[in-house]
Amino acid sequence: MSPGARGRAQAKAEQMIRGMALDELRRALDLTQEELARRLKVKQPAVAKIESRADMYVSTLKSVIEAMGGTLEIRAAFPHGDVRITHFTEPRTRGTRVAAD
């Protein structure tokens, strides 16, 4: 890889790590709305609608991320550290409820 290509790849990786909107992420992965729609088995206008939403189901977001080749992880940030929320990815075990005070 040439130094210029390496620099562009590094810049793209840093941008992805910082965070971005779904449409920005799709473009950074060199995917078109049409290609993403094909992977999701929907029509292109549905992808445009998803990308313009500020609010959506976690299952919809998970499907989009997986169609892009990723895995959705949800984390909660606290002063003492981050916590990975597994409620959406792992089956709950009986008896793991948190007691209410």
C-alpha atoms as a PDB file:
ATOM      1  CA  MET A   1       0.000   0.000   0.000  1.00  0.00           C
ATOM      2  CA  SER A   2       1.406   3.387  -0.945  1.00  0.00           C
ATOM      3  CA  PRO A   3       1.995   6.007   1.759  1.00  0.00           C
ATOM      4  CA  GLY A   4      -0.852   8.122   0.327  1.00  0.00           C
ATOM      5  CA  ALA A   5      -3.301   5.202   0.320  1.00  0.00           C
ATOM      6  CA  ARG A   6      -2.186   4.253   3.823  1.00  0.00           C
ATOM      7  CA  GLY A   7      -2.838   7.817   5.005  1.00  0.00           C
ATOM      8  CA  ARG A   8      -6.318   7.859   3.442  1.00  0.00           C
ATOM      9  CA  ALA A   9      -7.142   4.492   5.013  1.00  0.00           C
ATOM     10  CA  GLN A  10      -5.941   5.724   8.402  1.00  0.00           C
ATOM     11  CA  ALA A  11      -8.015   8.909   8.105  1.00  0.00           C
ATOM     12  CA  LYS A  12     -11.096   6.876   7.162  1.00  0.00           C
ATOM     13  CA  ALA A  13     -10.546   4.521  10.122  1.00  0.00           C
ATOM     14  CA  GLU A  14     -10.163   7.430  12.541  1.00  0.00           C
ATOM     15  CA  GLN A  15     -13.361   9.011  11.231  1.00  0.00           C
ATOM     16  CA  MET A  16     -15.231   5.729  11.707  1.00  0.00           C
ATOM     17  CA  ILE A  17     -13.971   5.392  15.270  1.00  0.00           C
ATOM     18  CA  ARG A  18     -15.158   8.907  16.208  1.00  0.00           C
ATOM     19  CA  GLY A  19     -18.717   8.185  15.166  1.00  0.00           C
ATOM     20  CA  MET A  20     -20.877   8.983  12.206  1.00  0.00           C
ATOM     21  CA  ALA A  21     -24.418   8.902  10.902  1.00  0.00           C
ATOM     22  CA  LEU A  22     -25.646   5.813   9.063  1.00  0.00           C
ATOM     23  CA  ASP A  23     -25.409   7.455   5.633  1.00  0.00           C
ATOM     24  CA  GLU A  24     -21.839   8.571   6.364  1.00  0.00           C
ATOM     25  CA  LEU A  25     -20.944   5.068   7.518  1.00  0.00           C
ATOM     26  CA  ARG A  26     -22.476   3.543   4.387  1.00  0.00           C
ATOM     27  CA  ARG A  27     -20.467   5.896   2.160  1.00  0.00           C
ATOM     28  CA  ALA A  28     -17.267   5.260   4.163  1.00  0.00           C
ATOM     29  CA  LEU A  29     -17.768   1.553   3.460  1.00  0.00           C
ATOM     30  CA  ASP A  30     -18.190   2.347  -0.257  1.00  0.00           C
ATOM     31  CA  LEU A  31     -21.775   1.069  -0.317  1.00  0.00           C
ATOM     32  CA  THR A  32     -24.580   2.636  -2.328  1.00  0.00           C
ATOM     33  CA  GLN A  33     -28.135   2.833  -1.063  1.00  0.00           C
ATOM     34  CA  GLU A  34     -29.054   0.405  -3.839  1.00  0.00           C
ATOM     35  CA  GLU A  35     -26.464  -2.167  -2.673  1.00  0.00           C
ATOM     36  CA  LEU A  36     -27.529  -1.824   0.959  1.00  0.00           C
ATOM     37  CA  ALA A  37     -31.179  -2.173  -0.079  1.00  0.00           C
ATOM     38  CA  ARG A  38     -30.336  -5.381  -1.952  1.00  0.00           C
ATOM     39  CA  ARG A  39     -28.605  -6.784   1.131  1.00  0.00           C
ATOM     40  CA  LEU A  40     -31.571  -5.831   3.324  1.00  0.00           C
ATOM     41  CA  LYS A  41     -34.065  -7.176   0.761  1.00  0.00           C
ATOM     42  CA  VAL A  42     -35.861  -3.815   0.575  1.00  0.00           C
ATOM     43  CA  LYS A  43     -36.125  -1.078  -2.043  1.00  0.00           C
ATOM     44  CA  GLN A  44     -33.716   1.886  -2.177  1.00  0.00           C
ATOM     45  CA  PRO A  45     -36.299   4.435  -0.878  1.00  0.00           C
ATOM     46  CA  ALA A  46     -36.573   2.359   2.318  1.00  0.00           C
ATOM     47  CA  VAL A  47     -32.824   2.781   2.899  1.00  0.00           C
ATOM     48  CA  ALA A  48     -33.117   6.535   2.308  1.00  0.00           C
ATOM     49  CA  LYS A  49     -35.940   6.668   4.865  1.00  0.00           C
ATOM     50  CA  ILE A  50     -33.947   4.678   7.446  1.00  0.00           C
ATOM     51  CA  GLU A  51     -30.935   6.965   6.979  1.00  0.00           C
ATOM     52  CA  SER A  52     -33.039  10.074   7.558  1.00  0.00           C
ATOM     53  CA  ARG A  53     -34.614   8.842  10.806  1.00  0.00           C
ATOM     54  CA  ALA A  54     -33.473  10.141  14.158  1.00  0.00           C
ATOM     55  CA  ASP A  55     -35.251   7.294  15.964  1.00  0.00           C
ATOM     56  CA  MET A  56     -35.695   3.625  15.024  1.00  0.00           C
ATOM     57  CA  TYR A  57     -36.064   0.169  16.494  1.00  0.00           C
ATOM     58  CA  VAL A  58     -32.884  -1.460  17.739  1.00  0.00           C
ATOM     59  CA  SER A  59     -33.722  -4.453  15.518  1.00  0.00           C
ATOM     60  CA  THR A  60     -33.790  -2.195  12.441  1.00  0.00           C
ATOM     61  CA  LEU A  61     -30.441  -0.648  13.333  1.00  0.00           C
ATOM     62  CA  LYS A  62     -28.997  -4.119  13.991  1.00  0.00           C
ATOM     63  CA  SER A  63     -30.159  -5.331  10.562  1.00  0.00           C
ATOM     64  CA  VAL A  64     -28.636  -2.311   8.819  1.00  0.00           C
ATOM     65  CA  ILE A  65     -25.303  -2.649  10.613  1.00  0.00           C
ATOM     66  CA  GLU A  66     -25.152  -6.378   9.870  1.00  0.00           C
ATOM     67  CA  ALA A  67     -25.988  -5.722   6.186  1.00  0.00           C
ATOM     68  CA  MET A  68     -22.997  -3.366   6.147  1.00  0.00           C
ATOM     69  CA  GLY A  69     -20.843  -6.194   7.501  1.00  0.00           C
ATOM     70  CA  GLY A  70     -20.683  -5.093  11.126  1.00  0.00           C
ATOM     71  CA  THR A  71     -22.018  -6.126  14.506  1.00  0.00           C
ATOM     72  CA  LEU A  72     -24.137  -3.788  16.613  1.00  0.00           C
ATOM     73  CA  GLU A  73     -22.968  -3.276  20.191  1.00  0.00           C
ATOM     74  CA  ILE A  74     -24.778  -0.966  22.578  1.00  0.00           C
ATOM     75  CA  ARG A  75     -22.759   0.607  25.369  1.00  0.00           C
ATOM     76  CA  ALA A  76     -23.677   2.899  28.234  1.00  0.00           C
ATOM     77  CA  ALA A  77     -20.998   5.412  29.221  1.00  0.00           C
ATOM     78  CA  PHE A  78     -20.502   6.135  32.920  1.00  0.00           C
ATOM     79  CA  PRO A  79     -17.801   8.150  34.702  1.00  0.00           C
ATOM     80  CA  HIS A  80     -16.266   4.919  36.037  1.00  0.00           C
ATOM     81  CA  GLY A  81     -16.301   3.180  32.641  1.00  0.00           C
ATOM     82  CA  ASP A  82     -18.438   1.809  29.834  1.00  0.00           C
ATOM     83  CA  VAL A  83     -20.917  -1.030  30.192  1.00  0.00           C
ATOM     84  CA  ARG A  84     -21.885  -3.217  27.227  1.00  0.00           C
ATOM     85  CA  ILE A  85     -25.658  -3.717  27.189  1.00  0.00           C
ATOM     86  CA  THR A  86     -26.349  -7.336  26.271  1.00  0.00           C
ATOM     87  CA  HIS A  87     -30.146  -7.225  26.505  1.00  0.00           C
ATOM     88  CA  PHE A  88     -30.444  -7.008  22.712  1.00  0.00           C
ATOM     89  CA  THR A  89     -27.836  -9.602  21.782  1.00  0.00           C
ATOM     90  CA  GLU A  90     -27.818 -12.383  24.339  1.00  0.00           C
ATOM     91  CA  PRO A  91     -30.697 -14.449  25.717  1.00  0.00           C
ATOM     92  CA  ARG A  92     -31.602 -13.494  29.266  1.00  0.00           C
ATOM     93  CA  THR A  93     -31.119 -16.104  31.954  1.00  0.00           C
ATOM     94  CA  ARG A  94     -33.928 -16.686  34.415  1.00  0.00           C
ATOM     95  CA  GLY A  95     -33.312 -15.150  37.803  1.00  0.00           C
ATOM     96  CA  THR A  96     -31.200 -12.230  36.617  1.00  0.00           C
ATOM     97  CA  ARG A  97     -33.674  -9.509  37.479  1.00  0.00           C
ATOM     98  CA  VAL A  98     -32.553  -6.437  39.362  1.00  0.00           C
ATOM     99  CA  ALA A  99     -34.513  -5.934  42.564  1.00  0.00           C
ATOM    100  CA  ALA A 100     -36.474  -2.702  42.882  1.00  0.00           C
ATOM    101  CA  ASP A 101     -35.917  -0.691  46.057  1.00  0.00           C
END
